[in-house]
Each structure stands twice: as structure tokens, then as C-alpha cells.
Amino acid sequence: MDTLLLNKDDVHENTPMAELISAVEDAFAAYETGDAQMPAKSYIDLPQYNGDFRSMPAYLDAGSWDAAGIKWVNVHPDNPDRFDLPTVMGTMVYSDPENAYPLSIMDGTELTMKRTGAAAAVATDYLAVEDASSFGLVGAGVQSYTQLEAISQIRDIEEVVVSDLNEARIEQFIDYFGDDFDVREGTITDAGHCDILSTVTPVEDPIVHSSDLADHTHVNAMGADAAGKHEIANDILLDAKVVIDDFAQTTHSGEINVPWSEGVLDEDDIYGEIGEIVTGKAEGRTSDDGVTVFDSTGLAIQDVAAAHVVYEHANEKDNGTEFDLLGVR
């Protein structure tokens, strides 16, 4: 019995987005119905290195399949300049729940980008207007690519407006998607007046305000993943239908964490968790809804669901490198 080593390219090649979206939706449902275990994300702070580590374990039973694993991920902002390394790097250990054998060790960075896009797509499917055809992005970094890749799987996107302070990033994004979509540069207001908006920035002072949004825009707030981060203005959050991925994580480190900690926003201002909508316990978009917001912090169950998809496809196609990690061959 071998462990399958999968690098970034292997993960990319073995993650069909439509299947990943379905698996992440299954994960949200399993979490809501009590068929998943997900201990709180734990942090190891390393101020002497201006960084931290985060561990994210989970198990889920989706009915026709179950899966377990843990992602070990860091955030070290000085890496690009000091070590020519990415700020964020992740490693996923994917295990057989029945006997605990490590089936695969795979790149968790690409996996994170893929599952983050898939999570936004699940929320968009339930919360955006049915005939949505325009998509806005605030932030043109690496996370922006899978946002469009995933959301275009569940809505017929024609027009894309991207806003970023870095012109080179915008040009790269347009070059990458220009043959498939009508992509143009625009302001935050231009992006926010699309049917769907995804924000993927690390800012701590809100950059999206009420005047930046149309009456029925659905917003995927994807950037906040640590205490203090805050992309969307408080008045939007107070007026919108706000759906979160997990109460504990979003109040600690999601888009709502700042107004929550300041007492500006409370439980009455949160419509519910995405799992409640996926399982039919709560309604998604209704005809009475205006702006909707999905607060996504990224959950370990999403990583495990994504790893399941990657491993099954890589194993079928003999991709990756097999090695006898435990010496039991």
C-alpha cells in the first residue's frame, strides 16, 4: 500500500470544478446534518518570524463516500521578499477513515484556491439572481482565478469587471480569461454593480460601500481569514441578507469579525449558515431579497472534500508519485 504524492500540477489537473462544487456542497450538508467532525482551526503564532501556522482537521460522511484529512497551512507575509517563497503554503494529508492509512500527501495551496472558488459557487447558486450574467472582482490575485472558474460553472457569465490597485495583475487576469469572457478593468463601483461580486483582498478597512453595489448584487466576501480583516462596510452587512459558512470561524476571523467584536452586529443580523440553505432548512434567495452576502472563512470540511475529488481522479489516472511512506509494503 503506497501513499500518493501530488504536487500543484497534479492537484490542478485532477480537480474538475463541477465535481468539486458538488463535493463542497455535500460537505456543507454533512456539517449541517451532524455527519461531519471539524474541530476548531488552531493557530500557532510566530511573531518573531511575522507569521503563523494553522491546522485544519476534519472528517465527513457524505453518504456515498466519506473522507478524512488535515491541512497544515501558514501565513508568512515576508516570504516573497526574504525567501522568494509564497506568503501562504499548505500541505494536505488525506487519510483512509477506516484504517487511518495516509492515502495521499498533496499540495494544499492549489487545493485551497480550488475549494475556495467552489464554496463561492455553492453560495452563489443559492443566493444570486437566477439570470445573473455579470461578475465583478475586487482583487486580482491568485484567488480571483478560481472565483471566476467556479462561478461560471453555475451561472452563464458573460461580462467580467475586475478592480485592483496593481495594473499588472489586472492585465494578467484579462490575458488569461479574455478569450472566454468579456473582461475589462473597472472601479470597485463598476465591479459591485455586477450581478455577482467576489472580494478577495486582505484589507482591514472596508473598501466596498453601499453606493458600490446594485440593488440585487450577491457578494462573496472571501478575503477575511483573520481577526481584524474587513472588506465590506458595516451598513451593507446590517442591511443585507448575510449567510456565513461557520459561526465560530466567521465571528473570530471572517468578514463579520470586526463589527461583531465591536457590538455593531449580532446574531439577529445573521440570516444563517450555508449548510442550512443547502439542506433546505432555510431559504436561499427570495423575491424579497436585495443585496446578499456570503461570509466565507474556508472550512476544513471543504479541504477534505476537495482532497477526496483530487485523490480519486489522480488514483484512477495513475498521476502523482507513489512511495512507501510507512514502510509497510
C-alpha atoms as a PDB file:
ATOM      1  CA  MET A   1       0.000   0.000   0.000  1.00  0.00           C
ATOM      2  CA  ASP A   2       1.542   3.275  -1.135  1.00  0.00           C
ATOM      3  CA  THR A   3       0.988   6.934  -0.374  1.00  0.00           C
ATOM      4  CA  LEU A   4       0.355   9.134  -3.404  1.00  0.00           C
ATOM      5  CA  LEU A   5       2.407  12.331  -3.569  1.00  0.00           C
ATOM      6  CA  LEU A   6       0.596  15.029  -5.575  1.00  0.00           C
ATOM      7  CA  ASN A   7       2.187  18.365  -6.423  1.00  0.00           C
ATOM      8  CA  LYS A   8       0.496  21.577  -7.510  1.00  0.00           C
ATOM      9  CA  ASP A   9       0.100  20.485 -11.133  1.00  0.00           C
ATOM     10  CA  ASP A  10      -1.333  17.122 -10.087  1.00  0.00           C
ATOM     11  CA  VAL A  11      -3.906  18.841  -7.887  1.00  0.00           C
ATOM     12  CA  HIS A  12      -4.828  21.254 -10.665  1.00  0.00           C
ATOM     13  CA  GLU A  13      -5.201  18.518 -13.278  1.00  0.00           C
ATOM     14  CA  ASN A  14      -7.342  16.295 -11.070  1.00  0.00           C
ATOM     15  CA  THR A  15      -9.892  18.797  -9.809  1.00  0.00           C
ATOM     16  CA  PRO A  16     -12.811  19.032 -12.255  1.00  0.00           C
ATOM     17  CA  MET A  17     -14.573  22.144 -10.979  1.00  0.00           C
ATOM     18  CA  ALA A  18     -18.156  20.973 -11.472  1.00  0.00           C
ATOM     19  CA  GLU A  19     -17.441  17.843  -9.437  1.00  0.00           C
ATOM     20  CA  LEU A  20     -15.621  19.851  -6.781  1.00  0.00           C
ATOM     21  CA  ILE A  21     -18.566  22.231  -6.384  1.00  0.00           C
ATOM     22  CA  SER A  22     -20.847  19.252  -5.824  1.00  0.00           C
ATOM     23  CA  ALA A  23     -18.453  17.739  -3.265  1.00  0.00           C
ATOM     24  CA  VAL A  24     -18.174  21.016  -1.332  1.00  0.00           C
ATOM     25  CA  GLU A  25     -21.966  21.306  -1.322  1.00  0.00           C
ATOM     26  CA  ASP A  26     -22.099  17.763   0.093  1.00  0.00           C
ATOM     27  CA  ALA A  27     -19.604  18.818   2.768  1.00  0.00           C
ATOM     28  CA  PHE A  28     -21.743  21.798   3.826  1.00  0.00           C
ATOM     29  CA  ALA A  29     -24.747  19.474   4.044  1.00  0.00           C
ATOM     30  CA  ALA A  30     -22.866  16.865   6.081  1.00  0.00           C
ATOM     31  CA  TYR A  31     -21.716  19.508   8.531  1.00  0.00           C
ATOM     32  CA  GLU A  32     -25.253  20.795   8.973  1.00  0.00           C
ATOM     33  CA  THR A  33     -26.746  17.323   9.496  1.00  0.00           C
ATOM     34  CA  GLY A  34     -24.102  16.302  12.023  1.00  0.00           C
ATOM     35  CA  ASP A  35     -22.337  13.887   9.680  1.00  0.00           C
ATOM     36  CA  ALA A  36     -19.037  15.740   9.895  1.00  0.00           C
ATOM     37  CA  GLN A  37     -16.493  16.459  12.574  1.00  0.00           C
ATOM     38  CA  MET A  38     -14.482  19.658  12.357  1.00  0.00           C
ATOM     39  CA  PRO A  39     -12.533  20.790  15.419  1.00  0.00           C
ATOM     40  CA  ALA A  40     -11.813  24.480  15.591  1.00  0.00           C
ATOM     41  CA  LYS A  41      -8.952  25.749  13.470  1.00  0.00           C
ATOM     42  CA  SER A  42      -5.894  26.067  15.705  1.00  0.00           C
ATOM     43  CA  TYR A  43      -3.200  28.705  15.397  1.00  0.00           C
ATOM     44  CA  ILE A  44       0.495  28.808  16.231  1.00  0.00           C
ATOM     45  CA  ASP A  45       1.573  32.453  16.246  1.00  0.00           C
ATOM     46  CA  LEU A  46       5.197  33.201  15.386  1.00  0.00           C
ATOM     47  CA  PRO A  47       5.651  36.965  15.829  1.00  0.00           C
ATOM     48  CA  GLN A  48       9.437  36.568  15.721  1.00  0.00           C
ATOM     49  CA  TYR A  49       9.012  35.452  12.082  1.00  0.00           C
ATOM     50  CA  ASN A  50       5.987  37.642  11.308  1.00  0.00           C
ATOM     51  CA  GLY A  51       3.964  34.534  10.560  1.00  0.00           C
ATOM     52  CA  ASP A  52       1.756  31.769  11.828  1.00  0.00           C
ATOM     53  CA  PHE A  53       0.728  28.159  11.269  1.00  0.00           C
ATOM     54  CA  ARG A  54      -2.841  26.898  11.164  1.00  0.00           C
ATOM     55  CA  SER A  55      -4.039  23.296  11.459  1.00  0.00           C
ATOM     56  CA  MET A  56      -7.376  22.281   9.964  1.00  0.00           C
ATOM     57  CA  PRO A  57      -8.557  18.686  10.556  1.00  0.00           C
ATOM     58  CA  ALA A  58     -11.917  17.221   9.521  1.00  0.00           C
ATOM     59  CA  TYR A  59     -13.909  14.093   8.804  1.00  0.00           C
ATOM     60  CA  LEU A  60     -17.123  13.962   6.814  1.00  0.00           C
ATOM     61  CA  ASP A  61     -19.599  11.317   5.689  1.00  0.00           C
ATOM     62  CA  ALA A  62     -21.378  12.361   2.510  1.00  0.00           C
ATOM     63  CA  GLY A  63     -23.381   9.153   2.238  1.00  0.00           C
ATOM     64  CA  SER A  64     -21.852   7.584  -0.854  1.00  0.00           C
ATOM     65  CA  TRP A  65     -18.331   8.435   0.352  1.00  0.00           C
ATOM     66  CA  ASP A  66     -16.526   9.545   3.464  1.00  0.00           C
ATOM     67  CA  ALA A  67     -13.148  11.165   3.913  1.00  0.00           C
ATOM     68  CA  ALA A  68     -10.716  12.460   6.494  1.00  0.00           C
ATOM     69  CA  GLY A  69      -7.670  14.686   6.455  1.00  0.00           C
ATOM     70  CA  ILE A  70      -5.806  17.636   7.848  1.00  0.00           C
ATOM     71  CA  LYS A  71      -4.368  20.741   6.212  1.00  0.00           C
ATOM     72  CA  TRP A  72      -1.268  22.426   7.653  1.00  0.00           C
ATOM     73  CA  VAL A  73      -1.054  25.960   6.311  1.00  0.00           C
ATOM     74  CA  ASN A  74       0.967  29.080   7.058  1.00  0.00           C
ATOM     75  CA  VAL A  75       0.779  32.819   6.522  1.00  0.00           C
ATOM     76  CA  HIS A  76       4.219  34.474   6.343  1.00  0.00           C
ATOM     77  CA  PRO A  77       3.941  37.901   4.639  1.00  0.00           C
ATOM     78  CA  ASP A  78       7.731  38.392   4.448  1.00  0.00           C
ATOM     79  CA  ASN A  79       8.295  35.222   2.435  1.00  0.00           C
ATOM     80  CA  PRO A  80       8.236  36.721  -1.085  1.00  0.00           C
ATOM     81  CA  ASP A  81      10.871  39.351  -0.331  1.00  0.00           C
ATOM     82  CA  ARG A  82      13.084  37.408   2.079  1.00  0.00           C
ATOM     83  CA  PHE A  83      12.950  33.846   0.790  1.00  0.00           C
ATOM     84  CA  ASP A  84      11.358  34.021  -2.678  1.00  0.00           C
ATOM     85  CA  LEU A  85       8.541  31.843  -1.322  1.00  0.00           C
ATOM     86  CA  PRO A  86       4.756  32.307  -1.344  1.00  0.00           C
ATOM     87  CA  THR A  87       3.152  34.062   1.603  1.00  0.00           C
ATOM     88  CA  VAL A  88       0.760  31.138   2.032  1.00  0.00           C
ATOM     89  CA  MET A  89       1.712  27.486   1.622  1.00  0.00           C
ATOM     90  CA  GLY A  90      -0.377  24.478   2.512  1.00  0.00           C
ATOM     91  CA  THR A  91       0.114  20.732   2.790  1.00  0.00           C
ATOM     92  CA  MET A  92      -2.834  18.336   2.864  1.00  0.00           C
ATOM     93  CA  VAL A  93      -2.653  14.865   4.400  1.00  0.00           C
ATOM     94  CA  TYR A  94      -5.567  12.770   3.120  1.00  0.00           C
ATOM     95  CA  SER A  95      -6.264   9.577   5.071  1.00  0.00           C
ATOM     96  CA  ASP A  96      -8.438   6.484   4.838  1.00  0.00           C
ATOM     97  CA  PRO A  97     -11.027   6.902   7.631  1.00  0.00           C
ATOM     98  CA  GLU A  98     -11.353   3.134   8.091  1.00  0.00           C
ATOM     99  CA  ASN A  99      -7.730   2.315   8.878  1.00  0.00           C
ATOM    100  CA  ALA A 100      -6.066   5.762   9.033  1.00  0.00           C
ATOM    101  CA  TYR A 101      -3.568   4.963   6.261  1.00  0.00           C
ATOM    102  CA  PRO A 102      -2.218   8.186   4.657  1.00  0.00           C
ATOM    103  CA  LEU A 103      -3.551   7.768   1.127  1.00  0.00           C
ATOM    104  CA  SER A 104      -2.035  10.974  -0.163  1.00  0.00           C
ATOM    105  CA  ILE A 105       0.100  13.961   0.686  1.00  0.00           C
ATOM    106  CA  MET A 106      -0.803  16.777  -1.661  1.00  0.00           C
ATOM    107  CA  ASP A 107      -0.184  20.439  -2.292  1.00  0.00           C
ATOM    108  CA  GLY A 108      -2.651  22.344  -0.143  1.00  0.00           C
ATOM    109  CA  THR A 109      -2.109  25.737  -1.746  1.00  0.00           C
ATOM    110  CA  GLU A 110      -3.697  24.867  -5.082  1.00  0.00           C
ATOM    111  CA  LEU A 111      -6.282  22.808  -3.221  1.00  0.00           C
ATOM    112  CA  THR A 112      -7.242  25.847  -1.132  1.00  0.00           C
ATOM    113  CA  MET A 113      -7.712  28.056  -4.172  1.00  0.00           C
ATOM    114  CA  LYS A 114      -9.888  25.446  -5.871  1.00  0.00           C
ATOM    115  CA  ARG A 115     -12.139  24.746  -2.890  1.00  0.00           C
ATOM    116  CA  THR A 116     -12.475  28.453  -2.117  1.00  0.00           C
ATOM    117  CA  GLY A 117     -13.810  29.034  -5.603  1.00  0.00           C
ATOM    118  CA  ALA A 118     -16.142  26.064  -5.228  1.00  0.00           C
ATOM    119  CA  ALA A 119     -17.503  27.382  -1.911  1.00  0.00           C
ATOM    120  CA  ALA A 120     -18.298  30.745  -3.523  1.00  0.00           C
ATOM    121  CA  ALA A 121     -20.028  28.920  -6.357  1.00  0.00           C
ATOM    122  CA  VAL A 122     -22.241  26.954  -3.960  1.00  0.00           C
ATOM    123  CA  ALA A 123     -23.289  30.156  -2.186  1.00  0.00           C
ATOM    124  CA  THR A 124     -23.789  31.971  -5.479  1.00  0.00           C
ATOM    125  CA  ASP A 125     -26.030  29.203  -6.753  1.00  0.00           C
ATOM    126  CA  TYR A 126     -28.390  29.686  -3.826  1.00  0.00           C
ATOM    127  CA  LEU A 127     -28.108  33.444  -3.308  1.00  0.00           C
ATOM    128  CA  ALA A 128     -27.561  35.149  -6.682  1.00  0.00           C
ATOM    129  CA  VAL A 129     -30.361  36.036  -9.076  1.00  0.00           C
ATOM    130  CA  GLU A 130     -31.112  33.180 -11.445  1.00  0.00           C
ATOM    131  CA  ASP A 131     -30.310  35.129 -14.612  1.00  0.00           C
ATOM    132  CA  ALA A 132     -27.012  36.552 -13.342  1.00  0.00           C
ATOM    133  CA  SER A 133     -24.662  37.175 -16.265  1.00  0.00           C
ATOM    134  CA  SER A 134     -22.150  39.736 -14.955  1.00  0.00           C
ATOM    135  CA  PHE A 135     -19.410  39.096 -12.429  1.00  0.00           C
ATOM    136  CA  GLY A 136     -17.249  41.600 -10.589  1.00  0.00           C
ATOM    137  CA  LEU A 137     -13.981  41.041  -8.764  1.00  0.00           C
ATOM    138  CA  VAL A 138     -12.262  43.252  -6.229  1.00  0.00           C
ATOM    139  CA  GLY A 139      -8.744  41.876  -6.102  1.00  0.00           C
ATOM    140  CA  ALA A 140      -6.971  40.191  -9.000  1.00  0.00           C
ATOM    141  CA  GLY A 141      -4.591  37.955  -7.071  1.00  0.00           C
ATOM    142  CA  VAL A 142      -4.354  34.176  -7.283  1.00  0.00           C
ATOM    143  CA  GLN A 143      -7.702  33.598  -5.547  1.00  0.00           C
ATOM    144  CA  SER A 144      -9.577  35.591  -8.182  1.00  0.00           C
ATOM    145  CA  TYR A 145      -8.967  32.998 -10.911  1.00  0.00           C
ATOM    146  CA  THR A 146     -10.843  30.157  -9.252  1.00  0.00           C
ATOM    147  CA  GLN A 147     -13.665  32.527  -8.310  1.00  0.00           C
ATOM    148  CA  LEU A 148     -14.449  33.070 -11.976  1.00  0.00           C
ATOM    149  CA  GLU A 149     -13.661  29.476 -12.910  1.00  0.00           C
ATOM    150  CA  ALA A 150     -16.134  28.152 -10.351  1.00  0.00           C
ATOM    151  CA  ILE A 151     -18.919  30.728 -10.537  1.00  0.00           C
ATOM    152  CA  SER A 152     -19.067  30.457 -14.325  1.00  0.00           C
ATOM    153  CA  GLN A 153     -19.970  26.794 -13.804  1.00  0.00           C
ATOM    154  CA  ILE A 154     -23.261  27.666 -12.147  1.00  0.00           C
ATOM    155  CA  ARG A 155     -24.239  30.947 -13.854  1.00  0.00           C
ATOM    156  CA  ASP A 156     -23.927  31.933 -17.508  1.00  0.00           C
ATOM    157  CA  ILE A 157     -21.315  34.653 -17.009  1.00  0.00           C
ATOM    158  CA  GLU A 158     -20.704  36.898 -19.998  1.00  0.00           C
ATOM    159  CA  GLU A 159     -19.271  40.142 -18.613  1.00  0.00           C
ATOM    160  CA  VAL A 160     -16.453  40.331 -16.050  1.00  0.00           C
ATOM    161  CA  VAL A 161     -15.233  43.526 -14.368  1.00  0.00           C
ATOM    162  CA  VAL A 162     -12.027  43.365 -12.335  1.00  0.00           C
ATOM    163  CA  SER A 163     -10.682  46.018  -9.960  1.00  0.00           C
ATOM    164  CA  ASP A 164      -7.227  46.014  -8.395  1.00  0.00           C
ATOM    165  CA  LEU A 165      -4.604  48.555  -7.394  1.00  0.00           C
ATOM    166  CA  ASN A 166      -1.989  46.542  -9.293  1.00  0.00           C
ATOM    167  CA  GLU A 167      -2.288  47.126 -13.033  1.00  0.00           C
ATOM    168  CA  ALA A 168      -0.037  44.177 -13.858  1.00  0.00           C
ATOM    169  CA  ARG A 169      -2.377  41.814 -12.044  1.00  0.00           C
ATOM    170  CA  ILE A 170      -5.335  43.152 -13.978  1.00  0.00           C
ATOM    171  CA  GLU A 171      -3.512  42.717 -17.277  1.00  0.00           C
ATOM    172  CA  GLN A 172      -2.575  39.135 -16.382  1.00  0.00           C
ATOM    173  CA  PHE A 173      -6.165  38.340 -15.445  1.00  0.00           C
ATOM    174  CA  ILE A 174      -7.533  39.809 -18.666  1.00  0.00           C
ATOM    175  CA  ASP A 175      -4.948  37.939 -20.738  1.00  0.00           C
ATOM    176  CA  TYR A 176      -5.862  34.678 -19.015  1.00  0.00           C
ATOM    177  CA  PHE A 177      -9.650  34.921 -19.400  1.00  0.00           C
ATOM    178  CA  GLY A 178     -10.023  37.319 -22.316  1.00  0.00           C
ATOM    179  CA  ASP A 179     -10.781  34.609 -24.883  1.00  0.00           C
ATOM    180  CA  ASP A 180     -13.624  33.158 -22.815  1.00  0.00           C
ATOM    181  CA  PHE A 181     -15.325  36.205 -21.313  1.00  0.00           C
ATOM    182  CA  ASP A 182     -15.807  39.906 -21.988  1.00  0.00           C
ATOM    183  CA  VAL A 183     -13.295  41.023 -19.349  1.00  0.00           C
ATOM    184  CA  ARG A 184     -12.484  44.650 -18.589  1.00  0.00           C
ATOM    185  CA  GLU A 185     -10.874  46.748 -15.896  1.00  0.00           C
ATOM    186  CA  GLY A 186     -13.169  48.869 -13.745  1.00  0.00           C
ATOM    187  CA  THR A 187     -13.598  50.623 -10.435  1.00  0.00           C
ATOM    188  CA  ILE A 188     -14.902  48.955  -7.294  1.00  0.00           C
ATOM    189  CA  THR A 189     -18.262  50.539  -8.096  1.00  0.00           C
ATOM    190  CA  ASP A 190     -18.193  49.062 -11.608  1.00  0.00           C
ATOM    191  CA  ALA A 191     -17.427  45.617 -10.189  1.00  0.00           C
ATOM    192  CA  GLY A 192     -20.025  45.981  -7.452  1.00  0.00           C
ATOM    193  CA  HIS A 193     -22.806  46.800  -9.899  1.00  0.00           C
ATOM    194  CA  CYS A 194     -22.460  43.392 -11.485  1.00  0.00           C
ATOM    195  CA  ASP A 195     -24.961  40.674 -10.583  1.00  0.00           C
ATOM    196  CA  ILE A 196     -22.299  38.853  -8.562  1.00  0.00           C
ATOM    197  CA  LEU A 197     -19.275  40.301  -6.771  1.00  0.00           C
ATOM    198  CA  SER A 198     -16.392  38.426  -5.154  1.00  0.00           C
ATOM    199  CA  THR A 199     -13.964  40.301  -2.922  1.00  0.00           C
ATOM    200  CA  VAL A 200     -10.570  38.675  -2.448  1.00  0.00           C
ATOM    201  CA  THR A 201      -8.370  41.220  -0.684  1.00  0.00           C
ATOM    202  CA  PRO A 202      -6.584  41.236   2.728  1.00  0.00           C
ATOM    203  CA  VAL A 203      -7.684  44.740   3.757  1.00  0.00           C
ATOM    204  CA  GLU A 204      -8.604  45.766   7.304  1.00  0.00           C
ATOM    205  CA  ASP A 205     -10.539  48.912   6.382  1.00  0.00           C
ATOM    206  CA  PRO A 206     -13.678  48.355   4.250  1.00  0.00           C
ATOM    207  CA  ILE A 207     -13.305  49.164   0.579  1.00  0.00           C
ATOM    208  CA  VAL A 208     -16.797  48.193  -0.613  1.00  0.00           C
ATOM    209  CA  HIS A 209     -19.563  50.600   0.417  1.00  0.00           C
ATOM    210  CA  SER A 210     -23.316  50.700  -0.146  1.00  0.00           C
ATOM    211  CA  SER A 211     -23.050  53.005  -3.138  1.00  0.00           C
ATOM    212  CA  ASP A 212     -20.726  50.491  -4.795  1.00  0.00           C
ATOM    213  CA  LEU A 213     -23.449  47.835  -5.064  1.00  0.00           C
ATOM    214  CA  ALA A 214     -26.546  47.410  -7.207  1.00  0.00           C
ATOM    215  CA  ASP A 215     -29.904  46.666  -5.604  1.00  0.00           C
ATOM    216  CA  HIS A 216     -29.666  42.890  -6.019  1.00  0.00           C
ATOM    217  CA  THR A 217     -25.933  42.170  -6.075  1.00  0.00           C
ATOM    218  CA  HIS A 218     -24.794  38.966  -4.426  1.00  0.00           C
ATOM    219  CA  VAL A 219     -21.431  39.427  -2.655  1.00  0.00           C
ATOM    220  CA  ASN A 220     -18.990  36.632  -1.882  1.00  0.00           C
ATOM    221  CA  ALA A 221     -16.787  38.090   0.865  1.00  0.00           C
ATOM    222  CA  MET A 222     -13.763  35.804   0.577  1.00  0.00           C
ATOM    223  CA  GLY A 223     -10.820  37.899   1.747  1.00  0.00           C
ATOM    224  CA  ALA A 224     -11.207  37.956   5.526  1.00  0.00           C
ATOM    225  CA  ASP A 225      -9.473  34.967   7.112  1.00  0.00           C
ATOM    226  CA  ALA A 226      -8.036  36.519  10.268  1.00  0.00           C
ATOM    227  CA  ALA A 227      -9.182  38.790  13.068  1.00  0.00           C
ATOM    228  CA  GLY A 228      -9.152  42.432  12.000  1.00  0.00           C
ATOM    229  CA  LYS A 229      -9.712  41.858   8.284  1.00  0.00           C
ATOM    230  CA  HIS A 230     -12.775  43.654   6.930  1.00  0.00           C
ATOM    231  CA  GLU A 231     -13.650  44.285   3.240  1.00  0.00           C
ATOM    232  CA  ILE A 232     -17.362  45.155   3.332  1.00  0.00           C
ATOM    233  CA  ALA A 233     -18.771  48.268   5.033  1.00  0.00           C
ATOM    234  CA  ASN A 234     -20.879  47.723   8.139  1.00  0.00           C
ATOM    235  CA  ASP A 235     -24.008  49.313   6.683  1.00  0.00           C
ATOM    236  CA  ILE A 236     -24.014  46.727   3.900  1.00  0.00           C
ATOM    237  CA  LEU A 237     -23.750  43.883   6.395  1.00  0.00           C
ATOM    238  CA  LEU A 238     -26.527  45.347   8.534  1.00  0.00           C
ATOM    239  CA  ASP A 239     -28.906  45.752   5.588  1.00  0.00           C
ATOM    240  CA  ALA A 240     -28.066  42.626   3.580  1.00  0.00           C
ATOM    241  CA  LYS A 241     -29.107  39.014   3.908  1.00  0.00           C
ATOM    242  CA  VAL A 242     -25.895  37.672   5.470  1.00  0.00           C
ATOM    243  CA  VAL A 243     -25.072  33.973   5.174  1.00  0.00           C
ATOM    244  CA  ILE A 244     -21.964  32.562   6.859  1.00  0.00           C
ATOM    245  CA  ASP A 245     -20.031  29.314   6.489  1.00  0.00           C
ATOM    246  CA  ASP A 246     -19.483  28.673  10.211  1.00  0.00           C
ATOM    247  CA  PHE A 247     -20.497  30.717  13.242  1.00  0.00           C
ATOM    248  CA  ALA A 248     -17.349  30.179  15.311  1.00  0.00           C
ATOM    249  CA  GLN A 249     -14.944  30.923  12.466  1.00  0.00           C
ATOM    250  CA  THR A 250     -16.738  33.921  10.975  1.00  0.00           C
ATOM    251  CA  THR A 251     -17.182  35.679  14.313  1.00  0.00           C
ATOM    252  CA  HIS A 252     -13.482  35.125  15.007  1.00  0.00           C
ATOM    253  CA  SER A 253     -11.875  35.741  11.636  1.00  0.00           C
ATOM    254  CA  GLY A 254     -14.496  36.202   8.907  1.00  0.00           C
ATOM    255  CA  GLU A 255     -15.887  39.297   7.246  1.00  0.00           C
ATOM    256  CA  ILE A 256     -18.216  39.898  10.197  1.00  0.00           C
ATOM    257  CA  ASN A 257     -15.478  39.618  12.851  1.00  0.00           C
ATOM    258  CA  VAL A 258     -14.839  43.353  13.264  1.00  0.00           C
ATOM    259  CA  PRO A 259     -18.433  44.601  13.546  1.00  0.00           C
ATOM    260  CA  TRP A 260     -19.204  41.540  15.687  1.00  0.00           C
ATOM    261  CA  SER A 261     -16.381  42.269  18.148  1.00  0.00           C
ATOM    262  CA  GLU A 262     -17.406  45.933  18.283  1.00  0.00           C
ATOM    263  CA  GLY A 263     -21.033  45.074  19.035  1.00  0.00           C
ATOM    264  CA  VAL A 264     -22.261  46.654  15.801  1.00  0.00           C
ATOM    265  CA  LEU A 265     -23.604  43.353  14.510  1.00  0.00           C
ATOM    266  CA  ASP A 266     -25.184  40.471  16.429  1.00  0.00           C
ATOM    267  CA  GLU A 267     -26.928  37.146  15.827  1.00  0.00           C
ATOM    268  CA  ASP A 268     -30.125  38.857  14.663  1.00  0.00           C
ATOM    269  CA  ASP A 269     -28.164  40.326  11.740  1.00  0.00           C
ATOM    270  CA  ILE A 270     -27.055  36.884  10.501  1.00  0.00           C
ATOM    271  CA  TYR A 271     -29.587  35.045   8.357  1.00  0.00           C
ATOM    272  CA  GLY A 272     -27.989  31.625   8.785  1.00  0.00           C
ATOM    273  CA  GLU A 273     -25.245  29.227   7.743  1.00  0.00           C
ATOM    274  CA  ILE A 274     -24.839  27.997   4.186  1.00  0.00           C
ATOM    275  CA  GLY A 275     -25.423  24.424   5.357  1.00  0.00           C
ATOM    276  CA  GLU A 276     -28.936  25.358   6.458  1.00  0.00           C
ATOM    277  CA  ILE A 277     -29.713  26.605   2.965  1.00  0.00           C
ATOM    278  CA  VAL A 278     -28.103  23.640   1.200  1.00  0.00           C
ATOM    279  CA  THR A 279     -30.170  21.196   3.262  1.00  0.00           C
ATOM    280  CA  GLY A 280     -33.401  23.131   2.768  1.00  0.00           C
ATOM    281  CA  LYS A 281     -33.755  24.228   6.404  1.00  0.00           C
ATOM    282  CA  ALA A 282     -33.618  27.842   5.279  1.00  0.00           C
ATOM    283  CA  GLU A 283     -34.453  29.572   2.008  1.00  0.00           C
ATOM    284  CA  GLY A 284     -31.854  30.901  -0.349  1.00  0.00           C
ATOM    285  CA  ARG A 285     -32.628  33.987  -2.425  1.00  0.00           C
ATOM    286  CA  THR A 286     -36.272  35.036  -2.474  1.00  0.00           C
ATOM    287  CA  SER A 287     -38.074  37.681  -4.498  1.00  0.00           C
ATOM    288  CA  ASP A 288     -37.938  39.997  -1.478  1.00  0.00           C
ATOM    289  CA  ASP A 289     -34.147  39.913  -1.149  1.00  0.00           C
ATOM    290  CA  GLY A 290     -31.910  42.789  -2.132  1.00  0.00           C
ATOM    291  CA  VAL A 291     -28.171  42.523  -1.518  1.00  0.00           C
ATOM    292  CA  THR A 292     -26.975  39.149  -0.221  1.00  0.00           C
ATOM    293  CA  VAL A 293     -23.580  38.463   1.343  1.00  0.00           C
ATOM    294  CA  PHE A 294     -21.762  35.163   1.845  1.00  0.00           C
ATOM    295  CA  ASP A 295     -19.073  35.365   4.525  1.00  0.00           C
ATOM    296  CA  SER A 296     -16.549  32.627   3.753  1.00  0.00           C
ATOM    297  CA  THR A 297     -13.658  31.847   6.076  1.00  0.00           C
ATOM    298  CA  GLY A 298     -12.797  28.495   4.484  1.00  0.00           C
ATOM    299  CA  LEU A 299     -13.543  25.275   6.329  1.00  0.00           C
ATOM    300  CA  ALA A 300     -11.553  22.085   6.814  1.00  0.00           C
ATOM    301  CA  ILE A 301     -14.505  20.075   5.513  1.00  0.00           C
ATOM    302  CA  GLN A 302     -14.048  21.862   2.179  1.00  0.00           C
ATOM    303  CA  ASP A 303     -10.383  20.845   2.066  1.00  0.00           C
ATOM    304  CA  VAL A 304     -11.249  17.215   2.817  1.00  0.00           C
ATOM    305  CA  ALA A 305     -13.985  17.200   0.164  1.00  0.00           C
ATOM    306  CA  ALA A 306     -11.577  18.684  -2.363  1.00  0.00           C
ATOM    307  CA  ALA A 307      -8.846  16.209  -1.436  1.00  0.00           C
ATOM    308  CA  HIS A 308     -11.327  13.373  -1.987  1.00  0.00           C
ATOM    309  CA  VAL A 309     -12.026  14.562  -5.529  1.00  0.00           C
ATOM    310  CA  VAL A 310      -8.333  15.047  -6.304  1.00  0.00           C
ATOM    311  CA  TYR A 311      -7.252  11.683  -4.918  1.00  0.00           C
ATOM    312  CA  GLU A 312      -9.956   9.680  -6.670  1.00  0.00           C
ATOM    313  CA  HIS A 313      -9.111  11.171 -10.067  1.00  0.00           C
ATOM    314  CA  ALA A 314      -5.331  11.028  -9.605  1.00  0.00           C
ATOM    315  CA  ASN A 315      -5.535   7.434  -8.436  1.00  0.00           C
ATOM    316  CA  GLU A 316      -7.660   6.424 -11.441  1.00  0.00           C
ATOM    317  CA  LYS A 317      -5.276   8.109 -13.884  1.00  0.00           C
ATOM    318  CA  ASP A 318      -2.050   6.958 -12.195  1.00  0.00           C
ATOM    319  CA  ASN A 319      -0.962  10.541 -11.664  1.00  0.00           C
ATOM    320  CA  GLY A 320       1.479  11.614  -8.994  1.00  0.00           C
ATOM    321  CA  THR A 321       4.290   9.686  -7.365  1.00  0.00           C
ATOM    322  CA  GLU A 322       3.718   6.602  -5.234  1.00  0.00           C
ATOM    323  CA  PHE A 323       6.010   5.996  -2.285  1.00  0.00           C
ATOM    324  CA  ASP A 324       6.101   3.656   0.720  1.00  0.00           C
ATOM    325  CA  LEU A 325       5.798   6.305   3.436  1.00  0.00           C
ATOM    326  CA  LEU A 326       5.253   3.914   6.328  1.00  0.00           C
ATOM    327  CA  GLY A 327       7.455   1.075   5.109  1.00  0.00           C
ATOM    328  CA  VAL A 328       4.592  -1.448   5.114  1.00  0.00           C
ATOM    329  CA  ARG A 329       4.870  -2.615   1.513  1.00  0.00           C
END
